[in-house]
Amino acid sequence: MSTQQAMTRPVMVNGLDVQAAFETIDAIKADPGLARFQFRAANTWINGGTNRSTIRDFYGAGREDVSREEPFEFMNGEPPVLLGDNEGANPVEFLLHAMAGCATTTLVLHAAARGITIRHLSTKLEGEIDMRGMLGLDESVSPGYEQIRILMKIEADCSDEMLEDLLDVARTQSPVCSTVCRPVPVVIERAA
């Protein structure tokens, strides 16, 4: 392999091109407007507790993204005990899925930027909900999760101290965890 080939080959850590990540960071530092993204989802009710979400378009890095030829579709359902037929995971389960994916990706990205190789990473989430809140049976009960626990099993080429720091980064820098952990204005209005 020539020196030129070695210089142009991406340095991959945890499956991520570290040079491309730093180039993205530098571009955002030079033009903070590139950091503004708008993600979108559409949803159609089917029947009972069943509905379908479609995700395709988003705005980011200063333009509309056109990389997705086909939309992603997700069926939302409920288990029989909640009057469904297991048509799909229910929305609060999708929230756990989103938290797991975002915390994992955030941790992996920050580990790669620090040159830390991850050998294994798995996550288990548990969340408790008292359905009296959603059903409007007790005004003192929140309709949402009372608590969510994220248990990450991780093996990496670094000290336990560095692992603890990465776990903290996953909690504080994950967009989904941040959205859930702090009040975020949500507006529900009738569309024309």
N, C-alpha and C. Protein backbone atom coordinates (compact mmCIF):
# COMPACT_ATOMS: atom_id res chain seq x y z
N MET A 1 0.84 -1.17 0.00
CA MET A 1 0.00 0.00 0.00
C MET A 1 0.89 1.24 0.00
N SER A 2 0.54 2.19 -0.85
CA SER A 2 1.32 3.42 -0.92
C SER A 2 0.98 4.34 0.24
N THR A 3 1.85 5.32 0.49
CA THR A 3 1.61 6.31 1.52
C THR A 3 0.35 7.10 1.21
N GLN A 4 0.12 7.42 -0.07
CA GLN A 4 -1.07 8.16 -0.48
C GLN A 4 -2.33 7.37 -0.16
N GLN A 5 -2.32 6.05 -0.43
CA GLN A 5 -3.49 5.22 -0.13
C GLN A 5 -3.74 5.19 1.37
N ALA A 6 -2.69 5.08 2.16
CA ALA A 6 -2.84 5.05 3.62
C ALA A 6 -3.41 6.36 4.13
N MET A 7 -3.03 7.48 3.51
CA MET A 7 -3.50 8.78 3.95
C MET A 7 -4.97 9.01 3.57
N THR A 8 -5.46 8.39 2.52
CA THR A 8 -6.83 8.63 2.08
C THR A 8 -7.81 7.59 2.64
N ARG A 9 -7.31 6.52 3.18
CA ARG A 9 -8.18 5.50 3.75
C ARG A 9 -8.77 6.02 5.06
N PRO A 10 -10.08 5.91 5.24
CA PRO A 10 -10.71 6.39 6.47
C PRO A 10 -10.21 5.63 7.69
N VAL A 11 -10.06 6.33 8.78
CA VAL A 11 -9.73 5.71 10.04
C VAL A 11 -11.05 5.36 10.70
N MET A 12 -11.33 4.07 10.79
CA MET A 12 -12.60 3.60 11.33
C MET A 12 -12.43 3.18 12.78
N VAL A 13 -13.25 3.71 13.65
CA VAL A 13 -13.31 3.30 15.05
C VAL A 13 -14.78 3.03 15.35
N ASN A 14 -15.08 1.84 15.79
CA ASN A 14 -16.45 1.42 16.10
C ASN A 14 -17.37 1.56 14.89
N GLY A 15 -16.82 1.36 13.69
CA GLY A 15 -17.62 1.44 12.48
C GLY A 15 -17.88 2.86 12.00
N LEU A 16 -17.22 3.83 12.59
CA LEU A 16 -17.41 5.24 12.22
C LEU A 16 -16.12 5.81 11.64
N ASP A 17 -16.26 6.62 10.59
CA ASP A 17 -15.14 7.32 9.98
C ASP A 17 -14.83 8.53 10.85
N VAL A 18 -13.79 8.43 11.66
CA VAL A 18 -13.46 9.47 12.64
C VAL A 18 -13.10 10.78 11.95
N GLN A 19 -12.37 10.72 10.85
CA GLN A 19 -12.00 11.94 10.13
C GLN A 19 -13.24 12.66 9.61
N ALA A 20 -14.18 11.91 9.06
CA ALA A 20 -15.43 12.51 8.57
C ALA A 20 -16.20 13.15 9.73
N ALA A 21 -16.19 12.51 10.89
CA ALA A 21 -16.87 13.08 12.06
C ALA A 21 -16.24 14.42 12.45
N PHE A 22 -14.91 14.48 12.48
CA PHE A 22 -14.25 15.73 12.84
C PHE A 22 -14.45 16.80 11.76
N GLU A 23 -14.51 16.39 10.50
CA GLU A 23 -14.79 17.35 9.42
C GLU A 23 -16.20 17.93 9.57
N THR A 24 -17.15 17.09 9.97
CA THR A 24 -18.51 17.56 10.21
C THR A 24 -18.53 18.56 11.36
N ILE A 25 -17.83 18.24 12.44
CA ILE A 25 -17.76 19.14 13.59
C ILE A 25 -17.15 20.47 13.19
N ASP A 26 -16.07 20.43 12.42
CA ASP A 26 -15.42 21.68 11.96
C ASP A 26 -16.36 22.50 11.07
N ALA A 27 -17.12 21.83 10.20
CA ALA A 27 -18.06 22.54 9.33
C ALA A 27 -19.15 23.23 10.15
N ILE A 28 -19.63 22.57 11.20
CA ILE A 28 -20.65 23.16 12.06
C ILE A 28 -20.08 24.31 12.87
N LYS A 29 -18.84 24.19 13.31
CA LYS A 29 -18.20 25.30 14.02
C LYS A 29 -18.10 26.52 13.11
N ALA A 30 -17.78 26.30 11.85
CA ALA A 30 -17.64 27.40 10.89
C ALA A 30 -19.00 27.98 10.49
N ASP A 31 -20.05 27.16 10.45
CA ASP A 31 -21.39 27.61 10.08
C ASP A 31 -22.40 26.93 10.98
N PRO A 32 -22.71 27.52 12.16
CA PRO A 32 -23.63 26.90 13.11
C PRO A 32 -25.02 26.59 12.53
N GLY A 33 -25.41 27.25 11.45
CA GLY A 33 -26.69 26.96 10.81
C GLY A 33 -26.77 25.54 10.29
N LEU A 34 -25.63 24.92 10.00
CA LEU A 34 -25.62 23.54 9.52
C LEU A 34 -26.10 22.55 10.58
N ALA A 35 -26.08 22.97 11.84
CA ALA A 35 -26.48 22.09 12.94
C ALA A 35 -28.00 22.02 13.12
N ARG A 36 -28.73 22.90 12.44
CA ARG A 36 -30.19 22.95 12.58
C ARG A 36 -30.84 21.85 11.73
N PHE A 37 -31.54 20.95 12.38
CA PHE A 37 -32.25 19.86 11.71
C PHE A 37 -33.73 19.91 12.06
N GLN A 38 -34.56 19.46 11.14
CA GLN A 38 -35.97 19.26 11.43
C GLN A 38 -36.34 17.86 10.95
N PHE A 39 -36.66 17.00 11.92
CA PHE A 39 -37.10 15.65 11.60
C PHE A 39 -38.62 15.63 11.56
N ARG A 40 -39.19 14.73 10.75
CA ARG A 40 -40.63 14.71 10.55
C ARG A 40 -41.15 13.28 10.58
N ALA A 41 -42.36 13.14 11.02
CA ALA A 41 -43.07 11.86 10.98
C ALA A 41 -44.52 12.14 10.65
N ALA A 42 -45.16 11.24 9.95
CA ALA A 42 -46.59 11.32 9.66
C ALA A 42 -47.23 10.06 10.22
N ASN A 43 -48.47 10.16 10.66
CA ASN A 43 -49.13 9.02 11.27
C ASN A 43 -50.57 8.95 10.79
N THR A 44 -51.04 7.74 10.52
CA THR A 44 -52.42 7.51 10.11
C THR A 44 -53.04 6.45 11.01
N TRP A 45 -54.18 6.79 11.59
CA TRP A 45 -54.92 5.83 12.40
C TRP A 45 -55.53 4.79 11.50
N ILE A 46 -55.47 3.52 11.92
CA ILE A 46 -56.03 2.43 11.14
C ILE A 46 -57.33 1.93 11.77
N ASN A 47 -57.25 1.50 13.05
CA ASN A 47 -58.42 1.01 13.74
C ASN A 47 -58.04 0.73 15.19
N GLY A 48 -58.94 0.96 16.11
CA GLY A 48 -58.66 0.69 17.52
C GLY A 48 -57.40 1.41 17.95
N GLY A 49 -56.47 0.66 18.53
CA GLY A 49 -55.19 1.24 18.95
C GLY A 49 -54.10 1.09 17.92
N THR A 50 -54.48 0.78 16.67
CA THR A 50 -53.50 0.55 15.61
C THR A 50 -53.37 1.78 14.74
N ASN A 51 -52.14 2.18 14.50
CA ASN A 51 -51.86 3.28 13.58
C ASN A 51 -50.47 3.06 12.99
N ARG A 52 -50.22 3.73 11.88
CA ARG A 52 -48.95 3.54 11.16
C ARG A 52 -48.23 4.87 11.06
N SER A 53 -46.96 4.86 11.43
CA SER A 53 -46.12 6.05 11.28
C SER A 53 -45.21 5.87 10.07
N THR A 54 -45.04 6.95 9.32
CA THR A 54 -44.19 6.96 8.15
C THR A 54 -43.14 8.05 8.33
N ILE A 55 -41.90 7.70 8.10
CA ILE A 55 -40.80 8.65 8.26
C ILE A 55 -39.94 8.60 7.01
N ARG A 56 -39.68 9.76 6.43
CA ARG A 56 -38.82 9.80 5.25
C ARG A 56 -38.03 11.10 5.19
N ASP A 57 -38.70 12.20 4.96
CA ASP A 57 -38.03 13.47 4.71
C ASP A 57 -37.53 14.12 6.00
N PHE A 58 -36.45 14.86 5.89
CA PHE A 58 -36.00 15.73 6.96
C PHE A 58 -35.13 16.82 6.37
N TYR A 59 -34.97 17.88 7.14
CA TYR A 59 -34.11 19.00 6.75
C TYR A 59 -32.89 18.95 7.65
N GLY A 60 -31.70 19.07 7.07
CA GLY A 60 -30.48 19.08 7.87
C GLY A 60 -29.28 19.47 7.05
N ALA A 61 -28.27 19.99 7.72
CA ALA A 61 -27.03 20.42 7.07
C ALA A 61 -27.30 21.45 5.98
N GLY A 62 -28.31 22.31 6.22
CA GLY A 62 -28.59 23.40 5.31
C GLY A 62 -29.43 23.07 4.10
N ARG A 63 -30.07 21.87 4.07
CA ARG A 63 -30.86 21.53 2.89
C ARG A 63 -31.83 20.40 3.22
N GLU A 64 -32.79 20.20 2.32
CA GLU A 64 -33.68 19.05 2.43
C GLU A 64 -32.89 17.80 2.07
N ASP A 65 -33.04 16.76 2.85
CA ASP A 65 -32.34 15.51 2.58
C ASP A 65 -33.13 14.70 1.55
N VAL A 66 -32.43 14.13 0.59
CA VAL A 66 -33.07 13.30 -0.44
C VAL A 66 -32.44 11.91 -0.51
N SER A 67 -31.80 11.49 0.57
CA SER A 67 -31.08 10.22 0.56
C SER A 67 -31.99 9.00 0.69
N ARG A 68 -33.21 9.19 1.14
CA ARG A 68 -34.12 8.06 1.36
C ARG A 68 -35.09 7.91 0.19
N GLU A 69 -34.92 6.84 -0.57
CA GLU A 69 -35.81 6.60 -1.70
C GLU A 69 -37.18 6.12 -1.24
N GLU A 70 -37.22 5.35 -0.19
CA GLU A 70 -38.47 4.80 0.33
C GLU A 70 -38.63 5.23 1.80
N PRO A 71 -39.85 5.45 2.24
CA PRO A 71 -40.07 5.81 3.65
C PRO A 71 -39.93 4.59 4.56
N PHE A 72 -39.62 4.87 5.81
CA PHE A 72 -39.66 3.84 6.85
C PHE A 72 -41.08 3.83 7.39
N GLU A 73 -41.63 2.64 7.59
CA GLU A 73 -42.97 2.53 8.13
C GLU A 73 -42.94 1.71 9.41
N PHE A 74 -43.65 2.20 10.41
CA PHE A 74 -43.70 1.55 11.71
C PHE A 74 -45.15 1.39 12.13
N MET A 75 -45.53 0.16 12.43
CA MET A 75 -46.88 -0.12 12.88
C MET A 75 -46.91 0.02 14.40
N ASN A 76 -47.82 0.85 14.89
CA ASN A 76 -48.03 1.01 16.32
C ASN A 76 -49.26 0.20 16.70
N GLY A 77 -49.15 -0.61 17.71
CA GLY A 77 -50.28 -1.41 18.17
C GLY A 77 -50.31 -1.47 19.68
N GLU A 78 -51.09 -2.37 20.19
CA GLU A 78 -51.20 -2.59 21.63
C GLU A 78 -51.32 -4.08 21.90
N PRO A 79 -50.89 -4.53 23.07
CA PRO A 79 -51.10 -5.93 23.43
C PRO A 79 -52.58 -6.14 23.79
N PRO A 80 -53.04 -7.40 23.80
CA PRO A 80 -54.44 -7.67 24.11
C PRO A 80 -54.92 -7.07 25.44
N VAL A 81 -54.07 -7.05 26.45
CA VAL A 81 -54.48 -6.50 27.74
C VAL A 81 -54.79 -5.01 27.64
N LEU A 82 -54.28 -4.35 26.59
CA LEU A 82 -54.58 -2.94 26.33
C LEU A 82 -55.46 -2.79 25.08
N LEU A 83 -56.27 -3.83 24.81
CA LEU A 83 -57.31 -3.83 23.77
C LEU A 83 -56.78 -3.92 22.34
N GLY A 84 -55.57 -4.41 22.16
CA GLY A 84 -55.01 -4.58 20.82
C GLY A 84 -54.79 -6.04 20.48
N ASP A 85 -54.14 -6.27 19.34
CA ASP A 85 -53.82 -7.62 18.89
C ASP A 85 -52.32 -7.76 18.58
N ASN A 86 -51.50 -7.00 19.27
CA ASN A 86 -50.04 -7.03 19.04
C ASN A 86 -49.70 -6.72 17.59
N GLU A 87 -50.33 -5.70 17.03
CA GLU A 87 -50.09 -5.29 15.66
C GLU A 87 -48.68 -4.72 15.49
N GLY A 88 -48.11 -4.28 16.56
CA GLY A 88 -46.77 -3.71 16.59
C GLY A 88 -46.47 -3.30 18.02
N ALA A 89 -45.27 -2.83 18.25
CA ALA A 89 -44.94 -2.31 19.57
C ALA A 89 -45.83 -1.10 19.83
N ASN A 90 -46.11 -0.83 21.12
CA ASN A 90 -46.93 0.34 21.39
C ASN A 90 -46.04 1.58 21.51
N PRO A 91 -46.62 2.77 21.46
CA PRO A 91 -45.81 3.99 21.43
C PRO A 91 -44.84 4.14 22.60
N VAL A 92 -45.23 3.71 23.81
CA VAL A 92 -44.30 3.86 24.93
C VAL A 92 -43.13 2.87 24.80
N GLU A 93 -43.36 1.75 24.12
CA GLU A 93 -42.25 0.84 23.82
C GLU A 93 -41.35 1.43 22.75
N PHE A 94 -41.93 2.12 21.75
CA PHE A 94 -41.12 2.80 20.75
C PHE A 94 -40.27 3.89 21.39
N LEU A 95 -40.77 4.54 22.44
CA LEU A 95 -39.97 5.53 23.15
C LEU A 95 -38.74 4.88 23.77
N LEU A 96 -38.92 3.70 24.37
CA LEU A 96 -37.77 2.98 24.93
C LEU A 96 -36.78 2.61 23.82
N HIS A 97 -37.31 2.17 22.68
CA HIS A 97 -36.48 1.85 21.52
C HIS A 97 -35.68 3.09 21.08
N ALA A 98 -36.35 4.23 21.01
CA ALA A 98 -35.67 5.46 20.60
C ALA A 98 -34.60 5.86 21.61
N MET A 99 -34.89 5.73 22.89
CA MET A 99 -33.89 6.06 23.91
C MET A 99 -32.69 5.13 23.82
N ALA A 100 -32.94 3.83 23.65
CA ALA A 100 -31.83 2.87 23.55
C ALA A 100 -30.96 3.18 22.35
N GLY A 101 -31.59 3.39 21.19
CA GLY A 101 -30.83 3.67 19.98
C GLY A 101 -30.03 4.95 20.08
N CYS A 102 -30.64 5.99 20.62
CA CYS A 102 -29.97 7.28 20.69
C CYS A 102 -28.83 7.27 21.73
N ALA A 103 -29.07 6.70 22.90
CA ALA A 103 -28.02 6.62 23.92
C ALA A 103 -26.85 5.78 23.40
N THR A 104 -27.16 4.67 22.72
CA THR A 104 -26.11 3.81 22.17
C THR A 104 -25.29 4.55 21.11
N THR A 105 -25.98 5.18 20.16
CA THR A 105 -25.28 5.89 19.09
C THR A 105 -24.43 7.03 19.65
N THR A 106 -24.98 7.76 20.62
CA THR A 106 -24.24 8.87 21.22
C THR A 106 -22.97 8.36 21.90
N LEU A 107 -23.09 7.28 22.66
CA LEU A 107 -21.93 6.72 23.35
C LEU A 107 -20.89 6.24 22.35
N VAL A 108 -21.32 5.53 21.32
CA VAL A 108 -20.39 4.99 20.31
C VAL A 108 -19.67 6.13 19.58
N LEU A 109 -20.39 7.17 19.21
CA LEU A 109 -19.80 8.31 18.53
C LEU A 109 -18.74 9.00 19.40
N HIS A 110 -19.07 9.24 20.66
CA HIS A 110 -18.11 9.90 21.54
C HIS A 110 -16.92 8.99 21.85
N ALA A 111 -17.16 7.70 21.95
CA ALA A 111 -16.04 6.77 22.16
C ALA A 111 -15.11 6.79 20.95
N ALA A 112 -15.67 6.75 19.75
CA ALA A 112 -14.86 6.78 18.53
C ALA A 112 -14.03 8.07 18.46
N ALA A 113 -14.65 9.20 18.80
CA ALA A 113 -13.94 10.49 18.76
C ALA A 113 -12.77 10.50 19.74
N ARG A 114 -12.88 9.72 20.80
CA ARG A 114 -11.81 9.63 21.80
C ARG A 114 -10.84 8.50 21.51
N GLY A 115 -11.07 7.77 20.42
CA GLY A 115 -10.19 6.67 20.04
C GLY A 115 -10.42 5.42 20.87
N ILE A 116 -11.56 5.30 21.51
CA ILE A 116 -11.88 4.14 22.36
C ILE A 116 -12.62 3.11 21.52
N THR A 117 -12.08 1.90 21.45
CA THR A 117 -12.71 0.81 20.72
C THR A 117 -13.68 0.08 21.64
N ILE A 118 -14.92 -0.07 21.18
CA ILE A 118 -15.93 -0.80 21.93
C ILE A 118 -15.98 -2.22 21.37
N ARG A 119 -15.84 -3.19 22.26
CA ARG A 119 -15.89 -4.60 21.85
C ARG A 119 -17.31 -5.17 21.95
N HIS A 120 -18.08 -4.68 22.93
CA HIS A 120 -19.46 -5.15 23.12
C HIS A 120 -20.25 -4.03 23.78
N LEU A 121 -21.50 -3.86 23.33
CA LEU A 121 -22.40 -2.90 23.95
C LEU A 121 -23.82 -3.39 23.76
N SER A 122 -24.50 -3.63 24.86
CA SER A 122 -25.91 -3.99 24.81
C SER A 122 -26.64 -3.20 25.88
N THR A 123 -27.90 -2.94 25.62
CA THR A 123 -28.68 -2.08 26.49
C THR A 123 -30.02 -2.72 26.81
N LYS A 124 -30.43 -2.59 28.05
CA LYS A 124 -31.75 -3.04 28.48
C LYS A 124 -32.44 -1.85 29.12
N LEU A 125 -33.69 -1.62 28.73
CA LEU A 125 -34.45 -0.51 29.29
C LEU A 125 -35.69 -1.04 29.98
N GLU A 126 -36.04 -0.40 31.08
CA GLU A 126 -37.25 -0.72 31.81
C GLU A 126 -37.92 0.58 32.21
N GLY A 127 -39.22 0.66 31.99
CA GLY A 127 -39.96 1.85 32.39
C GLY A 127 -41.28 1.46 33.02
N GLU A 128 -41.64 2.16 34.08
CA GLU A 128 -42.89 1.88 34.78
C GLU A 128 -43.91 2.97 34.47
N ILE A 129 -45.14 2.53 34.18
CA ILE A 129 -46.26 3.44 33.92
C ILE A 129 -47.45 2.96 34.74
N ASP A 130 -48.13 3.89 35.38
CA ASP A 130 -49.39 3.62 36.07
C ASP A 130 -50.50 4.06 35.12
N MET A 131 -51.24 3.11 34.56
CA MET A 131 -52.24 3.40 33.54
C MET A 131 -53.41 4.24 34.04
N ARG A 132 -53.53 4.42 35.37
CA ARG A 132 -54.61 5.28 35.88
C ARG A 132 -54.45 6.71 35.35
N GLY A 133 -53.20 7.13 35.11
CA GLY A 133 -52.98 8.48 34.59
C GLY A 133 -53.50 8.63 33.17
N MET A 134 -53.15 7.70 32.28
CA MET A 134 -53.59 7.76 30.89
C MET A 134 -55.11 7.61 30.78
N LEU A 135 -55.70 6.81 31.64
CA LEU A 135 -57.14 6.59 31.60
C LEU A 135 -57.93 7.69 32.30
N GLY A 136 -57.23 8.65 32.92
CA GLY A 136 -57.90 9.76 33.60
C GLY A 136 -58.62 9.33 34.87
N LEU A 137 -58.16 8.27 35.50
CA LEU A 137 -58.81 7.76 36.71
C LEU A 137 -58.30 8.41 37.99
N ASP A 138 -57.11 9.00 37.93
CA ASP A 138 -56.52 9.64 39.11
C ASP A 138 -55.67 10.81 38.64
N GLU A 139 -56.12 12.02 38.93
CA GLU A 139 -55.41 13.21 38.47
C GLU A 139 -54.03 13.36 39.07
N SER A 140 -53.76 12.68 40.18
CA SER A 140 -52.44 12.79 40.81
C SER A 140 -51.41 11.87 40.15
N VAL A 141 -51.86 11.02 39.22
CA VAL A 141 -50.97 10.07 38.54
C VAL A 141 -50.63 10.59 37.16
N SER A 142 -49.35 10.72 36.88
CA SER A 142 -48.89 11.16 35.56
C SER A 142 -49.24 10.10 34.52
N PRO A 143 -49.66 10.52 33.31
CA PRO A 143 -49.94 9.53 32.27
C PRO A 143 -48.69 8.95 31.63
N GLY A 144 -47.53 9.50 31.93
CA GLY A 144 -46.29 9.03 31.32
C GLY A 144 -45.50 8.11 32.23
N TYR A 145 -44.30 7.79 31.77
CA TYR A 145 -43.42 6.96 32.58
C TYR A 145 -43.11 7.64 33.91
N GLU A 146 -43.09 6.83 34.97
CA GLU A 146 -42.69 7.34 36.29
C GLU A 146 -41.17 7.37 36.40
N GLN A 147 -40.53 6.39 35.77
CA GLN A 147 -39.07 6.28 35.78
C GLN A 147 -38.67 5.36 34.64
N ILE A 148 -37.51 5.65 34.06
CA ILE A 148 -36.94 4.78 33.03
C ILE A 148 -35.52 4.45 33.46
N ARG A 149 -35.18 3.17 33.45
CA ARG A 149 -33.82 2.72 33.76
C ARG A 149 -33.18 2.21 32.47
N ILE A 150 -31.98 2.71 32.22
CA ILE A 150 -31.20 2.25 31.07
C ILE A 150 -29.98 1.53 31.63
N LEU A 151 -29.89 0.24 31.36
CA LEU A 151 -28.77 -0.57 31.85
C LEU A 151 -27.90 -0.90 30.65
N MET A 152 -26.68 -0.37 30.62
CA MET A 152 -25.77 -0.59 29.49
C MET A 152 -24.65 -1.53 29.93
N LYS A 153 -24.53 -2.61 29.19
CA LYS A 153 -23.42 -3.54 29.40
C LYS A 153 -22.39 -3.22 28.33
N ILE A 154 -21.20 -2.83 28.77
CA ILE A 154 -20.21 -2.36 27.81
C ILE A 154 -18.83 -2.93 28.13
N GLU A 155 -18.16 -3.35 27.07
CA GLU A 155 -16.77 -3.77 27.15
C GLU A 155 -16.00 -2.93 26.15
N ALA A 156 -15.00 -2.23 26.64
CA ALA A 156 -14.24 -1.33 25.77
C ALA A 156 -12.79 -1.28 26.21
N ASP A 157 -11.95 -0.82 25.30
CA ASP A 157 -10.52 -0.71 25.57
C ASP A 157 -10.22 0.62 26.25
N CYS A 158 -10.70 0.72 27.52
CA CYS A 158 -10.44 1.92 28.30
C CYS A 158 -10.66 1.61 29.78
N SER A 159 -10.35 2.57 30.61
CA SER A 159 -10.50 2.39 32.06
C SER A 159 -11.97 2.46 32.47
N ASP A 160 -12.25 1.98 33.67
CA ASP A 160 -13.61 2.08 34.21
C ASP A 160 -14.03 3.54 34.35
N GLU A 161 -13.09 4.39 34.69
CA GLU A 161 -13.38 5.83 34.80
C GLU A 161 -13.86 6.40 33.47
N MET A 162 -13.16 6.03 32.40
CA MET A 162 -13.55 6.50 31.06
C MET A 162 -14.92 5.93 30.67
N LEU A 163 -15.21 4.69 31.04
CA LEU A 163 -16.51 4.10 30.76
C LEU A 163 -17.62 4.87 31.48
N GLU A 164 -17.37 5.21 32.74
CA GLU A 164 -18.36 5.99 33.49
C GLU A 164 -18.60 7.34 32.83
N ASP A 165 -17.53 7.95 32.32
CA ASP A 165 -17.66 9.22 31.61
C ASP A 165 -18.49 9.04 30.34
N LEU A 166 -18.26 7.96 29.61
CA LEU A 166 -19.04 7.70 28.40
C LEU A 166 -20.52 7.46 28.72
N LEU A 167 -20.81 6.77 29.83
CA LEU A 167 -22.19 6.57 30.24
C LEU A 167 -22.86 7.91 30.55
N ASP A 168 -22.12 8.81 31.19
CA ASP A 168 -22.65 10.13 31.48
C ASP A 168 -22.90 10.91 30.20
N VAL A 169 -21.99 10.78 29.23
CA VAL A 169 -22.17 11.43 27.93
C VAL A 169 -23.42 10.90 27.24
N ALA A 170 -23.65 9.58 27.32
CA ALA A 170 -24.85 8.99 26.71
C ALA A 170 -26.11 9.59 27.32
N ARG A 171 -26.08 9.85 28.61
CA ARG A 171 -27.25 10.43 29.29
C ARG A 171 -27.42 11.91 28.97
N THR A 172 -26.33 12.65 28.99
CA THR A 172 -26.43 14.11 28.85
C THR A 172 -26.41 14.62 27.41
N GLN A 173 -25.82 13.86 26.48
CA GLN A 173 -25.68 14.33 25.10
C GLN A 173 -26.64 13.66 24.12
N SER A 174 -27.31 12.60 24.54
CA SER A 174 -28.28 11.92 23.67
C SER A 174 -29.48 12.84 23.46
N PRO A 175 -29.81 13.18 22.20
CA PRO A 175 -30.98 14.03 21.97
C PRO A 175 -32.29 13.45 22.52
N VAL A 176 -32.48 12.15 22.42
CA VAL A 176 -33.73 11.57 22.92
C VAL A 176 -33.75 11.58 24.44
N CYS A 177 -32.67 11.20 25.08
CA CYS A 177 -32.63 11.26 26.55
C CYS A 177 -32.84 12.69 27.03
N SER A 178 -32.19 13.65 26.39
CA SER A 178 -32.35 15.05 26.76
C SER A 178 -33.79 15.50 26.60
N THR A 179 -34.43 15.09 25.52
CA THR A 179 -35.83 15.47 25.27
C THR A 179 -36.75 14.93 26.36
N VAL A 180 -36.50 13.70 26.78
CA VAL A 180 -37.34 13.07 27.80
C VAL A 180 -37.04 13.64 29.19
N CYS A 181 -35.77 13.98 29.45
CA CYS A 181 -35.35 14.41 30.79
C CYS A 181 -35.63 15.87 31.12
N ARG A 182 -35.99 16.66 30.14
CA ARG A 182 -36.28 18.08 30.42
C ARG A 182 -37.61 18.44 29.77
N PRO A 183 -38.28 19.43 30.33
CA PRO A 183 -39.55 19.83 29.70
C PRO A 183 -39.32 20.37 28.29
N VAL A 184 -40.07 19.86 27.33
CA VAL A 184 -40.00 20.31 25.95
C VAL A 184 -41.41 20.71 25.53
N PRO A 185 -41.57 21.92 25.02
CA PRO A 185 -42.91 22.32 24.59
C PRO A 185 -43.43 21.41 23.48
N VAL A 186 -44.62 20.89 23.64
CA VAL A 186 -45.28 20.09 22.61
C VAL A 186 -46.62 20.75 22.35
N VAL A 187 -46.87 21.10 21.11
CA VAL A 187 -48.11 21.75 20.71
C VAL A 187 -48.93 20.75 19.91
N ILE A 188 -50.16 20.52 20.34
CA ILE A 188 -51.08 19.69 19.57
C ILE A 188 -52.22 20.60 19.13
N GLU A 189 -52.37 20.71 17.81
CA GLU A 189 -53.41 21.57 17.28
C GLU A 189 -54.09 20.91 16.10
N ARG A 190 -55.25 21.37 15.82
CA ARG A 190 -56.01 20.82 14.71
C ARG A 190 -55.44 21.33 13.38
N ALA A 191 -55.16 20.41 12.45
CA ALA A 191 -54.65 20.80 11.13
C ALA A 191 -55.82 21.05 10.20
N ALA A 192 -55.60 21.94 9.25
CA ALA A 192 -56.66 22.26 8.28
C ALA A 192 -56.80 21.17 7.25
